[in-house]
Amino acid sequence: MSAESRPDNAGATEFEPYTLMTLNGDTVSVGRVVTLAQRQAAGRILEKRVPHLTPVQRIAVVDAMAYWMGETGDDELVMALAEAVCPNDRAAAMLAGAFS
């Protein structure tokens, strides 16, 4: 990957709702910044609230949610997955909230 085609996220922080990517001189919005801390928080919530999931299943859920937030910024898909795997609405809201 050349320097021109690499994402330029140097100015992105966890407080910015969207990250910008420079590709061949054009800047485009590519979704929200998902931090390692957010992924870890989501994993801990799943471990505590959905204990029947295996570690690999937890990783799969967190990765899917992080992908949707990072690539598309789609809160609706994140919440849908949280509701599908969590035993109640409170746990689902906590899980989805980890990516806010």
N, C-alpha and C. Protein backbone atom coordinates (compact mmCIF):
# COMPACT_ATOMS: atom_id res chain seq x y z
N MET A 1 0.85 -1.17 0.00
CA MET A 1 0.00 0.00 0.00
C MET A 1 0.89 1.23 0.00
N SER A 2 0.65 2.11 -0.92
CA SER A 2 1.47 3.30 -1.00
C SER A 2 1.04 4.31 0.06
N ALA A 3 1.90 5.28 0.31
CA ALA A 3 1.61 6.31 1.31
C ALA A 3 0.34 7.08 0.96
N GLU A 4 0.07 7.24 -0.33
CA GLU A 4 -1.11 7.99 -0.74
C GLU A 4 -2.41 7.24 -0.47
N SER A 5 -2.36 5.90 -0.44
CA SER A 5 -3.60 5.14 -0.29
C SER A 5 -3.84 4.68 1.15
N ARG A 6 -2.90 4.94 2.05
CA ARG A 6 -3.10 4.57 3.45
C ARG A 6 -4.05 5.53 4.13
N PRO A 7 -4.91 5.00 5.07
CA PRO A 7 -5.79 5.91 5.81
C PRO A 7 -4.97 6.90 6.62
N ASP A 8 -5.42 8.13 6.68
CA ASP A 8 -4.76 9.14 7.49
C ASP A 8 -5.65 9.43 8.69
N ASN A 9 -5.44 8.67 9.77
CA ASN A 9 -6.25 8.82 10.97
C ASN A 9 -5.47 9.50 12.07
N ALA A 10 -4.41 10.19 11.75
CA ALA A 10 -3.56 10.80 12.76
C ALA A 10 -4.32 11.77 13.64
N GLY A 11 -5.31 12.47 13.10
CA GLY A 11 -6.06 13.44 13.88
C GLY A 11 -7.29 12.86 14.55
N ALA A 12 -7.59 11.58 14.33
CA ALA A 12 -8.80 10.99 14.89
C ALA A 12 -8.63 10.70 16.37
N THR A 13 -9.65 10.99 17.12
CA THR A 13 -9.68 10.66 18.54
C THR A 13 -10.96 9.88 18.82
N GLU A 14 -11.08 9.34 20.03
CA GLU A 14 -12.30 8.60 20.31
C GLU A 14 -13.51 9.50 20.42
N PHE A 15 -13.34 10.81 20.43
CA PHE A 15 -14.45 11.73 20.56
C PHE A 15 -14.98 12.19 19.20
N GLU A 16 -14.27 11.92 18.14
CA GLU A 16 -14.73 12.28 16.80
C GLU A 16 -15.70 11.21 16.31
N PRO A 17 -16.88 11.58 15.84
CA PRO A 17 -17.84 10.57 15.43
C PRO A 17 -17.45 9.84 14.16
N TYR A 18 -16.70 10.47 13.29
CA TYR A 18 -16.31 9.84 12.04
C TYR A 18 -14.84 10.05 11.78
N THR A 19 -14.22 9.08 11.17
CA THR A 19 -12.83 9.21 10.77
C THR A 19 -12.80 9.57 9.29
N LEU A 20 -11.74 10.20 8.88
CA LEU A 20 -11.59 10.55 7.47
C LEU A 20 -10.47 9.74 6.88
N MET A 21 -10.62 9.36 5.65
CA MET A 21 -9.62 8.56 4.96
C MET A 21 -9.24 9.31 3.69
N THR A 22 -7.96 9.43 3.45
CA THR A 22 -7.50 10.06 2.23
C THR A 22 -7.08 8.97 1.26
N LEU A 23 -7.67 8.98 0.11
CA LEU A 23 -7.39 7.98 -0.91
C LEU A 23 -7.17 8.71 -2.23
N ASN A 24 -5.95 8.67 -2.70
CA ASN A 24 -5.60 9.35 -3.95
C ASN A 24 -6.00 10.83 -3.94
N GLY A 25 -5.81 11.48 -2.80
CA GLY A 25 -6.09 12.91 -2.70
C GLY A 25 -7.52 13.27 -2.34
N ASP A 26 -8.44 12.30 -2.36
CA ASP A 26 -9.84 12.56 -1.99
C ASP A 26 -10.06 12.13 -0.55
N THR A 27 -10.77 12.96 0.22
CA THR A 27 -11.07 12.63 1.60
C THR A 27 -12.52 12.19 1.69
N VAL A 28 -12.74 11.02 2.27
CA VAL A 28 -14.09 10.48 2.40
C VAL A 28 -14.34 10.05 3.83
N SER A 29 -15.58 10.08 4.25
CA SER A 29 -15.97 9.60 5.57
C SER A 29 -16.14 8.09 5.49
N VAL A 30 -15.55 7.36 6.44
CA VAL A 30 -15.64 5.91 6.39
C VAL A 30 -16.27 5.29 7.63
N GLY A 31 -16.88 6.07 8.49
CA GLY A 31 -17.52 5.50 9.67
C GLY A 31 -16.92 6.06 10.94
N ARG A 32 -17.27 5.46 12.03
CA ARG A 32 -16.82 5.93 13.33
C ARG A 32 -15.50 5.27 13.72
N VAL A 33 -14.77 5.96 14.55
CA VAL A 33 -13.53 5.40 15.09
C VAL A 33 -13.91 4.41 16.19
N VAL A 34 -13.48 3.17 16.07
CA VAL A 34 -13.70 2.16 17.10
C VAL A 34 -12.36 1.89 17.76
N THR A 35 -12.28 2.18 19.05
CA THR A 35 -11.02 2.04 19.77
C THR A 35 -10.87 0.65 20.37
N LEU A 36 -9.65 0.31 20.71
CA LEU A 36 -9.38 -0.95 21.40
C LEU A 36 -10.12 -0.99 22.73
N ALA A 37 -10.18 0.13 23.42
CA ALA A 37 -10.88 0.19 24.70
C ALA A 37 -12.37 -0.14 24.53
N GLN A 38 -12.97 0.32 23.44
CA GLN A 38 -14.38 0.00 23.19
C GLN A 38 -14.56 -1.48 22.92
N ARG A 39 -13.66 -2.07 22.15
CA ARG A 39 -13.73 -3.51 21.89
C ARG A 39 -13.59 -4.31 23.18
N GLN A 40 -12.63 -3.91 24.02
CA GLN A 40 -12.42 -4.61 25.28
C GLN A 40 -13.63 -4.48 26.20
N ALA A 41 -14.21 -3.29 26.25
CA ALA A 41 -15.40 -3.08 27.09
C ALA A 41 -16.55 -3.98 26.62
N ALA A 42 -16.74 -4.05 25.32
CA ALA A 42 -17.80 -4.90 24.77
C ALA A 42 -17.54 -6.37 25.11
N GLY A 43 -16.31 -6.79 25.01
CA GLY A 43 -15.96 -8.17 25.36
C GLY A 43 -16.25 -8.48 26.83
N ARG A 44 -15.93 -7.53 27.71
CA ARG A 44 -16.20 -7.73 29.14
C ARG A 44 -17.70 -7.78 29.42
N ILE A 45 -18.47 -6.94 28.73
CA ILE A 45 -19.93 -6.97 28.90
C ILE A 45 -20.48 -8.32 28.46
N LEU A 46 -20.04 -8.80 27.32
CA LEU A 46 -20.49 -10.11 26.85
C LEU A 46 -20.10 -11.21 27.82
N GLU A 47 -18.87 -11.16 28.33
CA GLU A 47 -18.41 -12.19 29.26
C GLU A 47 -19.29 -12.23 30.52
N LYS A 48 -19.68 -11.06 31.00
CA LYS A 48 -20.47 -10.98 32.22
C LYS A 48 -21.96 -11.24 31.98
N ARG A 49 -22.52 -10.64 30.93
CA ARG A 49 -23.97 -10.68 30.69
C ARG A 49 -24.44 -11.86 29.84
N VAL A 50 -23.52 -12.44 29.04
CA VAL A 50 -23.88 -13.56 28.17
C VAL A 50 -22.83 -14.66 28.36
N PRO A 51 -22.81 -15.26 29.56
CA PRO A 51 -21.72 -16.18 29.91
C PRO A 51 -21.67 -17.47 29.10
N HIS A 52 -22.76 -17.83 28.41
CA HIS A 52 -22.74 -19.07 27.63
C HIS A 52 -21.94 -18.93 26.33
N LEU A 53 -21.60 -17.71 25.93
CA LEU A 53 -20.78 -17.54 24.72
C LEU A 53 -19.34 -17.98 24.99
N THR A 54 -18.76 -18.65 24.03
CA THR A 54 -17.35 -19.03 24.14
C THR A 54 -16.50 -17.79 23.84
N PRO A 55 -15.22 -17.82 24.19
CA PRO A 55 -14.35 -16.68 23.85
C PRO A 55 -14.34 -16.38 22.35
N VAL A 56 -14.35 -17.40 21.52
CA VAL A 56 -14.35 -17.18 20.07
C VAL A 56 -15.66 -16.54 19.62
N GLN A 57 -16.78 -16.95 20.21
CA GLN A 57 -18.06 -16.34 19.87
C GLN A 57 -18.10 -14.87 20.30
N ARG A 58 -17.53 -14.57 21.47
CA ARG A 58 -17.48 -13.17 21.92
C ARG A 58 -16.66 -12.33 20.95
N ILE A 59 -15.52 -12.86 20.51
CA ILE A 59 -14.68 -12.14 19.55
C ILE A 59 -15.46 -11.90 18.26
N ALA A 60 -16.20 -12.90 17.80
CA ALA A 60 -16.97 -12.77 16.55
C ALA A 60 -18.02 -11.67 16.67
N VAL A 61 -18.72 -11.64 17.80
CA VAL A 61 -19.75 -10.61 18.00
C VAL A 61 -19.11 -9.22 18.05
N VAL A 62 -18.06 -9.08 18.84
CA VAL A 62 -17.39 -7.78 18.98
C VAL A 62 -16.81 -7.34 17.63
N ASP A 63 -16.20 -8.24 16.89
CA ASP A 63 -15.64 -7.88 15.58
C ASP A 63 -16.72 -7.42 14.60
N ALA A 64 -17.86 -8.12 14.60
CA ALA A 64 -18.94 -7.72 13.71
C ALA A 64 -19.44 -6.33 14.08
N MET A 65 -19.63 -6.08 15.37
CA MET A 65 -20.11 -4.77 15.81
C MET A 65 -19.09 -3.67 15.48
N ALA A 66 -17.84 -3.95 15.74
CA ALA A 66 -16.78 -2.97 15.45
C ALA A 66 -16.70 -2.70 13.95
N TYR A 67 -16.86 -3.74 13.14
CA TYR A 67 -16.84 -3.56 11.68
C TYR A 67 -17.97 -2.63 11.25
N TRP A 68 -19.19 -2.91 11.72
CA TRP A 68 -20.33 -2.09 11.31
C TRP A 68 -20.17 -0.65 11.75
N MET A 69 -19.65 -0.43 12.96
CA MET A 69 -19.45 0.94 13.42
C MET A 69 -18.29 1.61 12.68
N GLY A 70 -17.20 0.86 12.49
CA GLY A 70 -16.02 1.44 11.87
C GLY A 70 -16.13 1.64 10.37
N GLU A 71 -16.79 0.74 9.70
CA GLU A 71 -16.88 0.84 8.25
C GLU A 71 -18.10 1.64 7.79
N THR A 72 -19.22 1.45 8.47
CA THR A 72 -20.45 2.05 7.98
C THR A 72 -21.08 3.03 8.96
N GLY A 73 -20.69 2.97 10.23
CA GLY A 73 -21.31 3.81 11.24
C GLY A 73 -22.75 3.43 11.50
N ASP A 74 -23.11 2.16 11.24
CA ASP A 74 -24.50 1.72 11.31
C ASP A 74 -24.90 1.28 12.72
N ASP A 75 -25.50 2.20 13.48
CA ASP A 75 -25.95 1.90 14.84
C ASP A 75 -27.06 0.84 14.85
N GLU A 76 -27.88 0.84 13.81
CA GLU A 76 -29.02 -0.08 13.78
C GLU A 76 -28.57 -1.54 13.73
N LEU A 77 -27.57 -1.84 12.92
CA LEU A 77 -27.06 -3.22 12.86
C LEU A 77 -26.39 -3.61 14.17
N VAL A 78 -25.68 -2.69 14.78
CA VAL A 78 -25.02 -2.97 16.07
C VAL A 78 -26.08 -3.31 17.11
N MET A 79 -27.14 -2.52 17.18
CA MET A 79 -28.19 -2.77 18.16
C MET A 79 -28.92 -4.07 17.86
N ALA A 80 -29.15 -4.38 16.60
CA ALA A 80 -29.83 -5.62 16.22
C ALA A 80 -29.03 -6.83 16.68
N LEU A 81 -27.72 -6.80 16.49
CA LEU A 81 -26.89 -7.92 16.94
C LEU A 81 -26.87 -8.00 18.46
N ALA A 82 -26.78 -6.85 19.12
CA ALA A 82 -26.79 -6.84 20.59
C ALA A 82 -28.09 -7.46 21.11
N GLU A 83 -29.21 -7.10 20.51
CA GLU A 83 -30.50 -7.66 20.93
C GLU A 83 -30.60 -9.15 20.64
N ALA A 84 -29.95 -9.60 19.59
CA ALA A 84 -29.99 -11.02 19.23
C ALA A 84 -29.19 -11.89 20.20
N VAL A 85 -28.07 -11.38 20.70
CA VAL A 85 -27.22 -12.23 21.55
C VAL A 85 -27.44 -12.02 23.04
N CYS A 86 -28.00 -10.89 23.43
CA CYS A 86 -28.16 -10.59 24.85
C CYS A 86 -29.49 -11.10 25.39
N PRO A 87 -29.51 -11.50 26.66
CA PRO A 87 -30.73 -12.08 27.24
C PRO A 87 -31.83 -11.07 27.55
N ASN A 88 -31.51 -9.78 27.61
CA ASN A 88 -32.52 -8.77 27.91
C ASN A 88 -32.12 -7.43 27.29
N ASP A 89 -33.09 -6.50 27.31
CA ASP A 89 -32.86 -5.19 26.69
C ASP A 89 -31.76 -4.39 27.38
N ARG A 90 -31.66 -4.52 28.70
CA ARG A 90 -30.64 -3.77 29.44
C ARG A 90 -29.25 -4.20 29.01
N ALA A 91 -29.02 -5.51 28.93
CA ALA A 91 -27.72 -6.02 28.50
C ALA A 91 -27.42 -5.60 27.06
N ALA A 92 -28.44 -5.64 26.20
CA ALA A 92 -28.25 -5.24 24.80
C ALA A 92 -27.86 -3.76 24.71
N ALA A 93 -28.52 -2.94 25.50
CA ALA A 93 -28.20 -1.51 25.50
C ALA A 93 -26.79 -1.26 26.02
N MET A 94 -26.38 -2.00 27.04
CA MET A 94 -25.01 -1.85 27.57
C MET A 94 -23.99 -2.25 26.51
N LEU A 95 -24.25 -3.35 25.83
CA LEU A 95 -23.32 -3.84 24.80
C LEU A 95 -23.22 -2.84 23.65
N ALA A 96 -24.35 -2.41 23.12
CA ALA A 96 -24.33 -1.44 22.02
C ALA A 96 -23.70 -0.13 22.48
N GLY A 97 -23.95 0.24 23.72
CA GLY A 97 -23.39 1.47 24.27
C GLY A 97 -21.88 1.47 24.37
N ALA A 98 -21.28 0.29 24.41
CA ALA A 98 -19.82 0.20 24.45
C ALA A 98 -19.19 0.81 23.21
N PHE A 99 -19.94 0.88 22.12
CA PHE A 99 -19.43 1.42 20.87
C PHE A 99 -19.84 2.87 20.64
N SER A 100 -20.45 3.50 21.63
CA SER A 100 -20.88 4.90 21.50
C SER A 100 -19.75 5.84 21.80
